[in-house]
N, C-alpha and C. Protein backbone atom coordinates (compact mmCIF):
# COMPACT_ATOMS: atom_id res chain seq x y z
N MET A 1 11.89 35.61 8.10
CA MET A 1 12.09 34.73 6.96
C MET A 1 10.79 33.99 6.69
N GLY A 2 10.31 34.05 5.46
CA GLY A 2 9.07 33.36 5.09
C GLY A 2 9.29 31.87 4.90
N VAL A 3 8.18 31.15 4.80
CA VAL A 3 8.24 29.70 4.61
C VAL A 3 8.95 29.37 3.31
N SER A 4 8.66 30.10 2.24
CA SER A 4 9.30 29.81 0.96
C SER A 4 10.80 30.05 1.03
N ASP A 5 11.23 31.07 1.79
CA ASP A 5 12.66 31.32 1.97
C ASP A 5 13.32 30.15 2.69
N LYS A 6 12.64 29.64 3.71
CA LYS A 6 13.17 28.51 4.48
C LYS A 6 13.35 27.29 3.58
N TRP A 7 12.33 26.99 2.75
CA TRP A 7 12.42 25.84 1.84
C TRP A 7 13.52 26.05 0.81
N ALA A 8 13.65 27.25 0.30
CA ALA A 8 14.67 27.53 -0.70
C ALA A 8 16.06 27.31 -0.13
N ARG A 9 16.28 27.76 1.10
CA ARG A 9 17.59 27.55 1.74
C ARG A 9 17.85 26.07 1.98
N ALA A 10 16.83 25.35 2.48
CA ALA A 10 16.99 23.92 2.75
C ALA A 10 17.27 23.16 1.45
N GLU A 11 16.57 23.53 0.39
CA GLU A 11 16.74 22.86 -0.89
C GLU A 11 18.14 23.12 -1.45
N ALA A 12 18.63 24.33 -1.29
CA ALA A 12 19.96 24.66 -1.78
C ALA A 12 21.04 23.91 -1.01
N MET A 13 20.82 23.71 0.30
CA MET A 13 21.81 23.05 1.13
C MET A 13 21.82 21.53 0.92
N CYS A 14 20.66 20.93 0.75
CA CYS A 14 20.59 19.47 0.68
C CYS A 14 19.42 19.05 -0.21
N PRO A 15 19.52 19.24 -1.51
CA PRO A 15 18.38 18.99 -2.39
C PRO A 15 17.94 17.53 -2.44
N HIS A 16 18.88 16.61 -2.35
CA HIS A 16 18.49 15.20 -2.44
C HIS A 16 17.68 14.75 -1.23
N ARG A 17 17.93 15.34 -0.07
CA ARG A 17 17.17 14.97 1.12
C ARG A 17 15.71 15.41 0.99
N LEU A 18 15.48 16.57 0.40
CA LEU A 18 14.11 17.03 0.20
C LEU A 18 13.36 16.13 -0.78
N VAL A 19 14.02 15.70 -1.84
CA VAL A 19 13.38 14.79 -2.80
C VAL A 19 13.05 13.48 -2.10
N LEU A 20 13.97 12.98 -1.31
CA LEU A 20 13.72 11.75 -0.56
C LEU A 20 12.54 11.92 0.39
N GLU A 21 12.44 13.07 1.04
CA GLU A 21 11.29 13.34 1.91
C GLU A 21 9.99 13.34 1.12
N HIS A 22 10.00 13.91 -0.06
CA HIS A 22 8.79 13.96 -0.88
C HIS A 22 8.34 12.56 -1.29
N VAL A 23 9.29 11.75 -1.72
CA VAL A 23 8.98 10.40 -2.20
C VAL A 23 8.55 9.49 -1.06
N THR A 24 9.16 9.65 0.10
CA THR A 24 8.88 8.74 1.21
C THR A 24 7.90 9.30 2.23
N SER A 25 7.31 10.45 1.93
CA SER A 25 6.30 10.99 2.84
C SER A 25 5.10 10.04 2.88
N ARG A 26 4.29 10.18 3.90
CA ARG A 26 3.12 9.30 4.07
C ARG A 26 2.27 9.26 2.80
N TRP A 27 1.93 10.41 2.27
CA TRP A 27 1.06 10.47 1.10
C TRP A 27 1.83 10.26 -0.18
N GLY A 28 3.10 10.63 -0.21
CA GLY A 28 3.92 10.40 -1.39
C GLY A 28 4.05 8.92 -1.71
N VAL A 29 4.31 8.12 -0.69
CA VAL A 29 4.43 6.67 -0.86
C VAL A 29 3.14 6.10 -1.42
N LEU A 30 2.02 6.47 -0.82
CA LEU A 30 0.73 5.91 -1.24
C LEU A 30 0.33 6.36 -2.64
N ALA A 31 0.59 7.62 -2.96
CA ALA A 31 0.25 8.12 -4.30
C ALA A 31 1.12 7.47 -5.36
N LEU A 32 2.42 7.40 -5.12
CA LEU A 32 3.32 6.77 -6.09
C LEU A 32 2.97 5.30 -6.29
N ASP A 33 2.69 4.62 -5.20
CA ASP A 33 2.35 3.19 -5.30
C ASP A 33 1.08 3.00 -6.13
N ALA A 34 0.07 3.80 -5.90
CA ALA A 34 -1.17 3.68 -6.66
C ALA A 34 -0.95 4.01 -8.12
N LEU A 35 -0.22 5.08 -8.39
CA LEU A 35 0.00 5.51 -9.77
C LEU A 35 0.89 4.54 -10.56
N LEU A 36 1.59 3.68 -9.86
CA LEU A 36 2.42 2.69 -10.54
C LEU A 36 1.54 1.71 -11.33
N ASP A 37 0.32 1.51 -10.86
CA ASP A 37 -0.58 0.57 -11.52
C ASP A 37 -1.29 1.18 -12.73
N ARG A 38 -1.67 2.48 -12.63
CA ARG A 38 -2.38 3.13 -13.73
C ARG A 38 -2.53 4.61 -13.43
N SER A 39 -3.05 5.36 -14.40
CA SER A 39 -3.34 6.77 -14.16
C SER A 39 -4.69 6.88 -13.46
N TYR A 40 -4.89 7.98 -12.75
CA TYR A 40 -6.11 8.21 -11.98
C TYR A 40 -6.57 9.64 -12.15
N ARG A 41 -7.88 9.82 -12.08
CA ARG A 41 -8.43 11.14 -11.85
C ARG A 41 -8.24 11.42 -10.37
N PHE A 42 -8.29 12.70 -9.99
CA PHE A 42 -8.02 13.07 -8.61
C PHE A 42 -8.91 12.32 -7.63
N SER A 43 -10.21 12.33 -7.86
CA SER A 43 -11.14 11.70 -6.92
C SER A 43 -10.92 10.19 -6.84
N GLU A 44 -10.57 9.57 -7.97
CA GLU A 44 -10.27 8.14 -7.96
C GLU A 44 -9.02 7.85 -7.13
N LEU A 45 -8.01 8.69 -7.32
CA LEU A 45 -6.76 8.51 -6.58
C LEU A 45 -6.99 8.70 -5.08
N ARG A 46 -7.80 9.68 -4.74
CA ARG A 46 -8.11 9.91 -3.32
C ARG A 46 -8.81 8.70 -2.72
N ARG A 47 -9.74 8.09 -3.46
CA ARG A 47 -10.41 6.88 -2.96
C ARG A 47 -9.42 5.72 -2.83
N GLU A 48 -8.54 5.58 -3.82
CA GLU A 48 -7.56 4.49 -3.79
C GLU A 48 -6.62 4.63 -2.60
N VAL A 49 -6.08 5.83 -2.41
CA VAL A 49 -5.20 6.09 -1.26
C VAL A 49 -5.99 5.93 0.03
N GLY A 50 -7.27 6.34 0.02
CA GLY A 50 -8.12 6.26 1.19
C GLY A 50 -8.41 4.84 1.64
N ARG A 51 -8.16 3.87 0.78
CA ARG A 51 -8.33 2.47 1.18
C ARG A 51 -7.30 2.08 2.23
N VAL A 52 -6.17 2.77 2.24
CA VAL A 52 -5.09 2.49 3.19
C VAL A 52 -5.12 3.47 4.35
N ALA A 53 -5.33 4.74 4.05
CA ALA A 53 -5.33 5.78 5.08
C ALA A 53 -6.19 6.94 4.60
N ASN A 54 -6.85 7.59 5.53
CA ASN A 54 -7.73 8.70 5.19
C ASN A 54 -6.89 9.95 4.89
N VAL A 55 -6.95 10.41 3.65
CA VAL A 55 -6.19 11.58 3.23
C VAL A 55 -7.16 12.70 2.87
N SER A 56 -6.83 13.90 3.32
CA SER A 56 -7.68 15.04 2.97
C SER A 56 -7.39 15.44 1.53
N GLU A 57 -8.36 16.10 0.94
CA GLU A 57 -8.21 16.60 -0.42
C GLU A 57 -7.01 17.54 -0.50
N LYS A 58 -6.88 18.40 0.50
CA LYS A 58 -5.80 19.38 0.52
C LYS A 58 -4.43 18.69 0.56
N MET A 59 -4.28 17.69 1.42
CA MET A 59 -2.98 17.02 1.55
C MET A 59 -2.62 16.26 0.28
N LEU A 60 -3.60 15.59 -0.32
CA LEU A 60 -3.30 14.86 -1.56
C LEU A 60 -2.94 15.84 -2.67
N ALA A 61 -3.66 16.95 -2.77
CA ALA A 61 -3.36 17.95 -3.79
C ALA A 61 -1.95 18.51 -3.61
N GLN A 62 -1.56 18.81 -2.36
CA GLN A 62 -0.22 19.32 -2.09
C GLN A 62 0.84 18.28 -2.44
N THR A 63 0.57 17.03 -2.09
CA THR A 63 1.52 15.96 -2.39
C THR A 63 1.70 15.80 -3.89
N LEU A 64 0.60 15.79 -4.63
CA LEU A 64 0.68 15.64 -6.08
C LEU A 64 1.42 16.82 -6.71
N GLN A 65 1.17 18.01 -6.21
CA GLN A 65 1.84 19.19 -6.73
C GLN A 65 3.35 19.10 -6.49
N THR A 66 3.73 18.66 -5.32
CA THR A 66 5.15 18.50 -4.99
C THR A 66 5.79 17.44 -5.88
N LEU A 67 5.12 16.31 -6.05
CA LEU A 67 5.65 15.24 -6.90
C LEU A 67 5.70 15.67 -8.36
N GLU A 68 4.76 16.51 -8.77
CA GLU A 68 4.78 17.05 -10.13
C GLU A 68 5.98 17.97 -10.31
N ARG A 69 6.22 18.82 -9.33
CA ARG A 69 7.35 19.75 -9.39
C ARG A 69 8.67 18.99 -9.46
N ASP A 70 8.77 17.88 -8.74
CA ASP A 70 9.99 17.08 -8.74
C ASP A 70 10.15 16.25 -10.01
N GLY A 71 9.13 16.23 -10.86
CA GLY A 71 9.22 15.50 -12.12
C GLY A 71 8.75 14.07 -12.06
N PHE A 72 8.05 13.70 -10.99
CA PHE A 72 7.59 12.32 -10.83
C PHE A 72 6.18 12.09 -11.34
N VAL A 73 5.35 13.12 -11.28
CA VAL A 73 3.94 12.99 -11.64
C VAL A 73 3.62 13.94 -12.79
N ARG A 74 2.82 13.45 -13.70
CA ARG A 74 2.33 14.27 -14.82
C ARG A 74 0.87 14.60 -14.54
N ARG A 75 0.53 15.86 -14.60
CA ARG A 75 -0.85 16.32 -14.43
C ARG A 75 -1.37 16.71 -15.80
N ASP A 76 -2.41 16.03 -16.25
CA ASP A 76 -2.97 16.27 -17.57
C ASP A 76 -4.38 16.83 -17.42
N ALA A 77 -4.51 18.15 -17.56
CA ALA A 77 -5.81 18.82 -17.44
C ALA A 77 -6.43 18.91 -18.83
N LYS A 78 -7.59 18.32 -18.98
CA LYS A 78 -8.29 18.33 -20.27
C LYS A 78 -9.31 19.48 -20.27
N PRO A 79 -9.34 20.27 -21.34
CA PRO A 79 -10.25 21.41 -21.41
C PRO A 79 -11.67 20.98 -21.80
N VAL A 80 -12.32 20.28 -20.89
CA VAL A 80 -13.70 19.83 -21.12
C VAL A 80 -14.57 20.29 -19.98
N ILE A 81 -15.87 20.16 -20.15
CA ILE A 81 -16.80 20.52 -19.09
C ILE A 81 -17.57 19.26 -18.72
N PRO A 82 -17.55 18.83 -17.49
CA PRO A 82 -16.76 19.38 -16.38
C PRO A 82 -15.27 19.11 -16.57
N PRO A 83 -14.42 19.89 -15.89
CA PRO A 83 -12.98 19.72 -16.05
C PRO A 83 -12.55 18.29 -15.68
N ARG A 84 -11.57 17.80 -16.41
CA ARG A 84 -11.04 16.47 -16.12
C ARG A 84 -9.53 16.59 -16.00
N VAL A 85 -9.01 16.09 -14.88
CA VAL A 85 -7.57 16.10 -14.65
C VAL A 85 -7.14 14.68 -14.34
N ASP A 86 -6.18 14.19 -15.09
CA ASP A 86 -5.62 12.86 -14.87
C ASP A 86 -4.20 12.99 -14.35
N TYR A 87 -3.85 12.08 -13.46
CA TYR A 87 -2.49 12.03 -12.91
C TYR A 87 -1.87 10.70 -13.31
N SER A 88 -0.60 10.77 -13.73
CA SER A 88 0.13 9.57 -14.09
C SER A 88 1.60 9.79 -13.73
N LEU A 89 2.36 8.72 -13.81
CA LEU A 89 3.79 8.81 -13.52
C LEU A 89 4.58 9.16 -14.77
N THR A 90 5.61 9.94 -14.59
CA THR A 90 6.59 10.17 -15.64
C THR A 90 7.56 8.97 -15.60
N PRO A 91 8.43 8.84 -16.56
CA PRO A 91 9.43 7.77 -16.48
C PRO A 91 10.26 7.85 -15.18
N LEU A 92 10.63 9.05 -14.79
CA LEU A 92 11.36 9.23 -13.54
C LEU A 92 10.50 8.82 -12.34
N GLY A 93 9.24 9.18 -12.39
CA GLY A 93 8.31 8.81 -11.33
C GLY A 93 8.11 7.31 -11.24
N ARG A 94 8.09 6.64 -12.39
CA ARG A 94 7.95 5.18 -12.41
C ARG A 94 9.14 4.53 -11.71
N GLU A 95 10.35 5.04 -11.98
CA GLU A 95 11.54 4.53 -11.30
C GLU A 95 11.41 4.69 -9.78
N ALA A 96 11.04 5.89 -9.36
CA ALA A 96 10.91 6.16 -7.93
C ALA A 96 9.82 5.28 -7.31
N ALA A 97 8.69 5.15 -8.00
CA ALA A 97 7.57 4.36 -7.47
C ALA A 97 7.95 2.89 -7.34
N GLU A 98 8.72 2.37 -8.27
CA GLU A 98 9.17 0.98 -8.16
C GLU A 98 10.04 0.78 -6.93
N GLN A 99 10.90 1.74 -6.65
CA GLN A 99 11.75 1.66 -5.46
C GLN A 99 10.93 1.75 -4.18
N VAL A 100 9.98 2.67 -4.17
CA VAL A 100 9.11 2.85 -3.00
C VAL A 100 8.29 1.58 -2.76
N ARG A 101 7.74 1.01 -3.83
CA ARG A 101 6.94 -0.21 -3.68
C ARG A 101 7.80 -1.36 -3.15
N ALA A 102 9.03 -1.46 -3.65
CA ALA A 102 9.92 -2.52 -3.16
C ALA A 102 10.20 -2.34 -1.67
N LEU A 103 10.43 -1.12 -1.25
CA LEU A 103 10.66 -0.86 0.18
C LEU A 103 9.42 -1.17 1.00
N ALA A 104 8.25 -0.80 0.49
CA ALA A 104 7.00 -1.09 1.21
C ALA A 104 6.78 -2.60 1.32
N ARG A 105 7.05 -3.32 0.27
CA ARG A 105 6.90 -4.79 0.32
C ARG A 105 7.88 -5.40 1.30
N TRP A 106 9.13 -4.94 1.26
CA TRP A 106 10.13 -5.44 2.19
C TRP A 106 9.69 -5.19 3.63
N THR A 107 9.18 -3.99 3.90
CA THR A 107 8.70 -3.65 5.24
C THR A 107 7.61 -4.61 5.67
N GLY A 108 6.67 -4.89 4.76
CA GLY A 108 5.60 -5.83 5.08
C GLY A 108 6.13 -7.21 5.38
N LEU A 109 7.10 -7.66 4.61
CA LEU A 109 7.68 -8.99 4.82
C LEU A 109 8.47 -9.08 6.12
N ARG A 110 9.10 -8.01 6.52
CA ARG A 110 9.99 -8.03 7.70
C ARG A 110 9.36 -7.43 8.95
N MET A 111 8.06 -7.16 8.92
CA MET A 111 7.41 -6.52 10.05
C MET A 111 7.49 -7.35 11.32
N ASP A 112 7.41 -8.67 11.21
CA ASP A 112 7.54 -9.51 12.40
C ASP A 112 8.89 -9.33 13.08
N ALA A 113 9.96 -9.27 12.27
CA ALA A 113 11.29 -9.07 12.83
C ALA A 113 11.41 -7.70 13.47
N VAL A 114 10.82 -6.70 12.86
CA VAL A 114 10.83 -5.35 13.43
C VAL A 114 10.08 -5.35 14.76
N GLN A 115 8.93 -5.99 14.79
CA GLN A 115 8.14 -6.02 16.02
C GLN A 115 8.90 -6.74 17.14
N GLN A 116 9.56 -7.84 16.80
CA GLN A 116 10.37 -8.55 17.80
C GLN A 116 11.50 -7.68 18.32
N ALA A 117 12.14 -6.95 17.44
CA ALA A 117 13.22 -6.05 17.86
C ALA A 117 12.69 -4.95 18.77
N ARG A 118 11.52 -4.41 18.44
CA ARG A 118 10.92 -3.38 19.28
C ARG A 118 10.61 -3.91 20.67
N GLU A 119 10.02 -5.09 20.73
CA GLU A 119 9.67 -5.68 22.01
C GLU A 119 10.91 -5.96 22.84
N ALA A 120 11.96 -6.49 22.22
CA ALA A 120 13.22 -6.75 22.94
C ALA A 120 13.82 -5.44 23.45
N TYR A 121 13.79 -4.42 22.64
CA TYR A 121 14.30 -3.11 23.04
C TYR A 121 13.51 -2.58 24.24
N ASP A 122 12.18 -2.64 24.15
CA ASP A 122 11.33 -2.13 25.23
C ASP A 122 11.56 -2.90 26.53
N ARG A 123 11.72 -4.23 26.44
CA ARG A 123 12.00 -5.03 27.64
C ARG A 123 13.32 -4.63 28.26
N ALA A 124 14.35 -4.47 27.43
CA ALA A 124 15.67 -4.09 27.93
C ALA A 124 15.64 -2.70 28.54
N LYS A 125 14.91 -1.80 27.90
CA LYS A 125 14.80 -0.44 28.42
C LYS A 125 14.10 -0.44 29.77
N GLU A 126 13.02 -1.21 29.86
CA GLU A 126 12.27 -1.31 31.12
C GLU A 126 13.13 -1.94 32.21
N ALA A 127 13.88 -2.97 31.86
CA ALA A 127 14.77 -3.61 32.84
C ALA A 127 15.83 -2.62 33.32
N GLY A 128 16.34 -1.79 32.42
CA GLY A 128 17.32 -0.78 32.80
C GLY A 128 16.73 0.25 33.74
N ARG A 129 15.49 0.64 33.51
CA ARG A 129 14.82 1.59 34.41
C ARG A 129 14.60 0.98 35.78
N ALA A 130 14.24 -0.31 35.81
CA ALA A 130 14.02 -0.99 37.09
C ALA A 130 15.32 -1.04 37.88
N GLN A 131 16.44 -1.32 37.20
CA GLN A 131 17.73 -1.38 37.88
C GLN A 131 18.12 0.00 38.40
N GLU A 132 17.85 1.04 37.63
CA GLU A 132 18.14 2.40 38.08
C GLU A 132 17.33 2.74 39.33
N GLY A 133 16.07 2.32 39.34
CA GLY A 133 15.19 2.57 40.49
C GLY A 133 15.68 1.86 41.73
N GLU A 134 16.15 0.63 41.57
CA GLU A 134 16.70 -0.12 42.73
C GLU A 134 17.95 0.55 43.25
N ALA A 135 18.79 1.04 42.37
CA ALA A 135 20.02 1.70 42.80
C ALA A 135 19.70 2.97 43.58
N VAL A 136 18.68 3.69 43.20
CA VAL A 136 18.30 4.91 43.90
C VAL A 136 17.80 4.58 45.30
N LEU A 137 17.09 3.48 45.43
CA LEU A 137 16.53 3.09 46.74
C LEU A 137 17.59 2.63 47.72
N ARG A 138 18.74 2.22 47.25
CA ARG A 138 19.80 1.72 48.16
C ARG A 138 20.51 2.81 48.85
């Protein structure tokens, strides 16, 4: 079974999960967030996304192509020399980007609580391991 066959089966079984994966992927989130502010040429968008995380040209191109296929991103290739391609959000993409940005902001606001929860979990887990070790020694 080829890769495209695998994706086609997964998409047929659970299409909304694949869309959610596309929108919330590492590069999907950053591209949608940037495009919410304005349209970008590819190199500009790569620099903008690169301010947060280093993205390869290949990964950004794949992400944009996926978001375009899902109807979130519009690719406007102008027939000029040198070629010019602009990326912008569709109305559907704007909706998705607003949701993604809200989630990203919420995450930033609640990161302290998440960190505290992680630390409490790790302490409890470590205490449980220590108790298991003592029981083995008895």
